[in-house]
Protein backbone atom coordinates (compact mmCIF):
# COMPACT_ATOMS: atom_id res chain seq x y z
CA MET A 1 -16.80 55.40 -27.65
CA ARG A 2 -14.86 52.23 -28.32
CA ARG A 3 -13.39 51.74 -24.85
CA PRO A 4 -16.66 50.61 -23.14
CA LEU A 5 -17.11 47.97 -25.82
CA VAL A 6 -13.60 46.66 -25.19
CA LEU A 7 -14.16 46.58 -21.44
CA SER A 8 -17.49 44.79 -21.88
CA PHE A 9 -15.87 42.17 -24.08
CA LEU A 10 -13.08 41.60 -21.58
CA THR A 11 -15.61 41.31 -18.75
CA VAL A 12 -17.64 38.68 -20.64
CA ALA A 13 -14.48 36.78 -21.54
CA ALA A 14 -13.39 36.76 -17.90
CA VAL A 15 -16.78 35.47 -16.74
CA VAL A 16 -16.82 32.72 -19.37
CA GLY A 17 -13.23 31.76 -18.55
CA SER A 18 -14.06 31.52 -14.86
CA ALA A 19 -17.08 29.34 -15.59
CA LEU A 20 -14.96 27.00 -17.66
CA VAL A 21 -12.42 26.67 -14.88
CA VAL A 22 -15.11 25.90 -12.31
CA ALA A 23 -16.85 23.40 -14.58
CA SER A 24 -13.69 21.52 -15.50
CA PRO A 25 -13.64 18.12 -13.74
CA ALA A 26 -10.62 16.58 -12.08
CA GLN A 27 -8.65 14.50 -14.54
CA ALA A 28 -7.82 11.76 -12.05
CA HIS A 29 -9.34 8.30 -12.13
CA GLY A 30 -8.64 5.02 -10.39
CA TYR A 31 -10.04 2.04 -8.50
CA VAL A 32 -8.92 -0.98 -6.47
CA SER A 33 -8.26 -3.89 -8.81
CA SER A 34 -6.98 -6.44 -6.27
CA PRO A 35 -8.64 -7.75 -4.23
CA PRO A 36 -11.36 -6.84 -6.74
CA SER A 37 -13.47 -3.91 -5.61
CA ARG A 38 -17.19 -3.81 -6.27
CA GLN A 39 -16.69 -1.69 -9.38
CA ALA A 40 -14.01 -4.10 -10.61
CA LEU A 41 -16.40 -7.03 -10.17
CA CYS A 42 -19.03 -5.14 -12.16
CA ALA A 43 -16.57 -4.30 -14.94
CA GLN A 44 -15.53 -7.97 -15.12
CA GLY A 45 -19.18 -9.05 -15.41
CA ARG A 46 -19.00 -11.07 -12.20
CA VAL A 47 -21.92 -9.12 -10.70
CA ALA A 48 -24.94 -8.37 -12.86
CA ASN A 49 -27.09 -5.27 -13.29
CA CYS A 50 -24.52 -2.75 -12.12
CA GLY A 51 -25.60 0.08 -14.39
CA GLU A 52 -23.09 2.62 -15.69
CA ILE A 53 -20.33 1.55 -13.31
CA ARG A 54 -19.76 -1.48 -15.53
CA TRP A 55 -18.12 0.83 -18.07
CA GLU A 56 -16.57 3.35 -15.65
CA PRO A 57 -15.04 1.50 -12.68
CA GLN A 58 -12.44 4.27 -12.41
CA SER A 59 -14.96 7.12 -12.04
CA VAL A 60 -16.36 6.74 -8.50
CA GLU A 61 -15.55 10.30 -7.46
CA GLY A 62 -17.15 12.43 -4.77
CA PRO A 63 -16.41 15.02 -2.08
CA LYS A 64 -13.80 14.11 0.52
CA GLY A 65 -14.97 12.80 3.86
CA LEU A 66 -17.72 10.44 2.70
CA ARG A 67 -18.07 6.82 3.84
CA SER A 68 -20.11 5.33 0.99
CA CYS A 69 -19.10 2.91 -1.74
CA SER A 70 -20.60 5.20 -4.40
CA GLY A 71 -18.87 8.34 -3.14
CA GLY A 72 -22.29 9.96 -2.97
CA ASN A 73 -22.61 9.67 -6.76
CA SER A 74 -26.19 8.71 -7.68
CA ARG A 75 -25.01 7.30 -11.02
CA PHE A 76 -23.23 4.55 -9.12
CA ALA A 77 -25.77 3.93 -6.35
CA GLN A 78 -25.70 0.18 -7.12
CA LEU A 79 -22.36 0.03 -5.30
CA ASP A 80 -24.17 0.81 -2.03
CA ASP A 81 -26.71 -1.99 -2.55
CA GLU A 82 -25.89 -4.70 0.00
CA SER A 83 -28.52 -7.04 -1.46
CA LYS A 84 -26.55 -7.66 -4.66
CA GLY A 85 -24.59 -10.57 -3.17
CA TRP A 86 -21.12 -9.10 -3.64
CA PRO A 87 -18.51 -11.90 -3.74
CA ALA A 88 -15.94 -11.68 -0.94
CA THR A 89 -12.30 -12.43 -1.69
CA SER A 90 -10.38 -14.55 0.81
CA VAL A 91 -7.33 -12.64 2.05
CA GLY A 92 -6.17 -14.89 4.90
CA GLY A 93 -5.41 -13.20 8.20
CA GLY A 94 -3.06 -10.51 9.48
CA SER A 95 -2.65 -8.21 6.49
CA ALA A 96 -3.54 -7.92 2.83
CA THR A 97 -2.17 -6.13 -0.23
CA PHE A 98 -4.53 -3.68 -1.92
CA SER A 99 -3.65 -2.65 -5.48
CA TRP A 100 -4.98 0.41 -7.27
CA VAL A 101 -5.02 0.92 -11.05
CA LEU A 102 -4.88 4.62 -11.99
CA THR A 103 -6.06 5.38 -15.51
CA ALA A 104 -5.15 9.02 -14.92
CA ARG A 105 -2.73 10.07 -12.20
CA HIS A 106 -3.11 13.05 -9.92
CA ALA A 107 -1.20 14.63 -7.05
CA THR A 108 -2.22 12.74 -3.91
CA SER A 109 -2.59 13.79 -0.30
CA THR A 110 -3.53 10.52 1.44
CA TRP A 111 -4.92 7.02 0.97
CA GLU A 112 -7.31 5.77 3.66
CA TYR A 113 -8.82 2.38 4.50
CA TYR A 114 -11.85 1.84 6.73
CA ILE A 115 -13.79 -1.08 8.15
CA GLY A 116 -17.06 0.34 9.41
CA SER A 117 -16.31 3.64 11.13
CA GLN A 118 -12.77 2.58 12.09
CA ARG A 119 -9.86 3.76 9.99
CA ILE A 120 -7.45 0.84 9.79
CA ALA A 121 -4.73 2.37 7.59
CA LEU A 122 -3.46 5.75 6.39
CA PHE A 123 -0.75 6.38 3.78
CA ASN A 124 0.45 9.96 3.25
CA ASP A 125 1.85 10.82 -0.18
CA GLY A 126 2.43 14.48 0.67
CA GLY A 127 1.09 15.80 -2.64
CA ARG A 128 3.23 13.57 -4.85
CA GLN A 129 2.00 12.19 -8.18
CA PRO A 130 1.57 8.41 -7.99
CA GLY A 131 2.53 5.86 -10.59
CA ALA A 132 0.12 3.97 -12.83
CA THR A 133 -0.33 1.36 -10.12
CA VAL A 134 -0.21 1.78 -6.35
CA THR A 135 -0.07 -0.96 -3.70
CA HIS A 136 -0.57 -0.79 0.06
CA GLN A 137 -0.03 -3.42 2.72
CA VAL A 138 -2.97 -3.00 5.06
CA ASN A 139 -3.03 -4.50 8.56
CA LEU A 140 -6.31 -6.33 9.14
CA GLY A 141 -5.41 -7.52 12.63
CA GLY A 142 -8.35 -7.79 14.98
CA TYR A 143 -10.87 -8.47 12.22
CA THR A 144 -12.12 -11.86 11.05
CA GLY A 145 -14.84 -13.21 8.80
CA ARG A 146 -16.58 -11.24 6.09
CA GLN A 147 -15.77 -7.52 6.12
CA LYS A 148 -16.30 -4.55 3.80
CA VAL A 149 -13.18 -2.42 3.37
CA LEU A 150 -13.70 1.13 2.11
CA ALA A 151 -10.61 2.41 0.27
CA ILE A 152 -10.29 6.16 -0.37
CA TRP A 153 -7.89 8.06 -2.65
CA ASN A 154 -7.76 11.71 -1.52
CA ILE A 155 -6.64 14.08 -4.28
CA ALA A 156 -4.22 16.83 -3.20
CA ASP A 157 -5.35 19.74 -5.34
CA THR A 158 -9.13 19.25 -5.52
CA ALA A 159 -11.90 18.85 -2.94
CA ASN A 160 -12.68 15.35 -4.22
CA ALA A 161 -11.67 11.77 -3.55
CA PHE A 162 -12.14 8.41 -5.26
CA TYR A 163 -13.92 5.59 -3.45
CA ALA A 164 -13.84 1.79 -3.71
CA CYS A 165 -15.45 -0.85 -1.50
CA VAL A 166 -13.76 -4.23 -1.31
CA ASP A 167 -15.56 -7.22 0.21
CA VAL A 168 -13.11 -9.62 1.84
CA GLN A 169 -13.16 -12.80 3.86
CA ILE A 170 -10.51 -12.48 6.57
CA GLY A 171 -9.06 -15.68 7.99
CA GLY A 172 -10.43 -19.19 7.58
CA GLY A 173 -13.99 -20.36 7.34
CA PRO A 174 -16.50 -20.55 4.53
CA ASN A 175 -17.41 -17.57 2.42
CA PRO A 176 -21.09 -16.83 3.10
CA THR A 177 -21.55 -14.91 -0.16
CA PRO A 178 -24.24 -16.44 -2.37
CA THR A 179 -23.35 -17.37 -5.91
CA VAL A 180 -24.33 -14.70 -8.39
CA THR A 181 -24.81 -15.63 -12.03
CA PRO A 182 -24.00 -12.65 -14.28
CA THR A 183 -26.48 -11.84 -17.00
CA SER A 184 -25.39 -10.55 -20.34
CA THR A 185 -27.11 -7.78 -22.27
CA PRO A 186 -27.23 -8.24 -26.06
CA ASP A 187 -25.21 -5.69 -27.97
CA PRO A 188 -27.74 -3.48 -29.83
CA ASN A 189 -25.11 -2.86 -32.50
CA PRO A 190 -23.30 -6.15 -32.92
CA THR A 191 -20.12 -6.06 -34.95
CA SER A 192 -17.54 -8.59 -35.93
CA PRO A 193 -14.44 -8.62 -33.72
CA PRO A 194 -11.66 -6.51 -35.22
CA PRO A 195 -8.60 -8.30 -36.52
CA THR A 196 -6.11 -9.19 -33.84
CA GLY A 197 -3.32 -6.65 -33.54
CA GLY A 198 -0.80 -8.95 -31.94
CA THR A 199 0.19 -9.45 -28.33
CA TRP A 200 -0.35 -6.56 -25.87
CA SER A 201 2.88 -4.63 -25.32
CA ALA A 202 3.76 -1.71 -23.03
CA GLY A 203 4.74 1.41 -24.94
CA THR A 204 2.32 0.73 -27.81
CA ALA A 205 -0.31 3.33 -28.74
CA TYR A 206 -3.73 1.67 -29.09
CA GLN A 207 -6.82 3.11 -30.75
CA VAL A 208 -10.47 2.40 -29.98
CA GLY A 209 -11.40 -0.92 -31.57
CA SER A 210 -7.85 -2.29 -31.64
CA ALA A 211 -7.67 -5.93 -30.60
CA VAL A 212 -4.80 -7.65 -28.80
CA THR A 213 -4.12 -10.94 -27.14
CA TYR A 214 -2.85 -11.25 -23.58
CA GLY A 215 -2.51 -14.48 -21.63
CA GLY A 216 -4.26 -16.37 -24.41
CA THR A 217 -7.34 -14.08 -24.31
CA THR A 218 -8.40 -11.46 -26.86
CA TYR A 219 -9.33 -7.93 -25.81
CA ARG A 220 -10.79 -4.91 -27.65
CA CYS A 221 -9.58 -1.38 -26.83
CA ARG A 222 -12.29 0.85 -25.32
CA GLN A 223 -10.31 4.07 -24.92
CA ALA A 224 -7.36 5.31 -26.96
CA HIS A 225 -4.18 5.26 -24.86
CA THR A 226 -0.50 4.39 -24.80
CA ALA A 227 0.06 1.22 -22.78
CA ILE A 228 2.33 1.23 -19.75
CA PRO A 229 3.29 -1.51 -17.26
CA GLY A 230 0.39 -2.11 -14.91
CA TRP A 231 -2.23 -1.44 -17.58
CA GLU A 232 -2.34 -5.03 -18.84
CA PRO A 233 -5.84 -5.76 -20.28
CA PRO A 234 -7.08 -7.88 -17.33
CA ASN A 235 -6.12 -5.08 -14.91
CA VAL A 236 -7.93 -2.18 -16.60
CA PRO A 237 -11.40 -3.19 -17.85
CA SER A 238 -12.11 0.51 -18.43
CA LEU A 239 -9.53 0.38 -21.23
CA TRP A 240 -9.99 -3.17 -22.54
CA GLN A 241 -13.06 -5.34 -23.14
CA GLN A 242 -12.58 -9.10 -23.07
CA LEU A 243 -13.94 -10.75 -26.22
């Protein structure tokens, strides 16, 4: 009489366990920090009214194979809005260095770069785990003027990728991007800045609310973490808020 109960319990446990595995999200996050991607510009407050992406520049994740700035994620649809006057960064001509900041690393298959429907660069990591920062030298030959570069980080062991659009001005000539004046939203729960905890230092464990100085500027910690080279406060606005 007891065996059916045991089997039923095991069956339920297996179903629940399977559901948890399916529901568990990929623990990889990252975005292009230089030249600043659209999500980086939002996180820095250089473009206004960006919605949730302001706080989560590293979270633009969607199925592989897409060609949108938002990665098909409706939460970040503002990234697809071409009317927002995205500033374009001058990168000269020939080639440019694109730098990613990874707040959580994950085994990587490839990195891709597109202008329009044309893939202009492919870097194959063969399933290796990247470092905290990743840089690529991308050949921009044949393109001039204002261009939108779509950078894609394809994860090796999930069906997803991370997306970042970078607006650049290739070669000489004026930047046609209109000036955008960021607007600030009052903090509904204003608090006094926490006491400064000294100068930012790699290897230090920081808690939410900790304050540090870096380059003469004070920052407040947004997410608990242990600092490593490449995660300097100006580079990871998802971890540090400038005060």
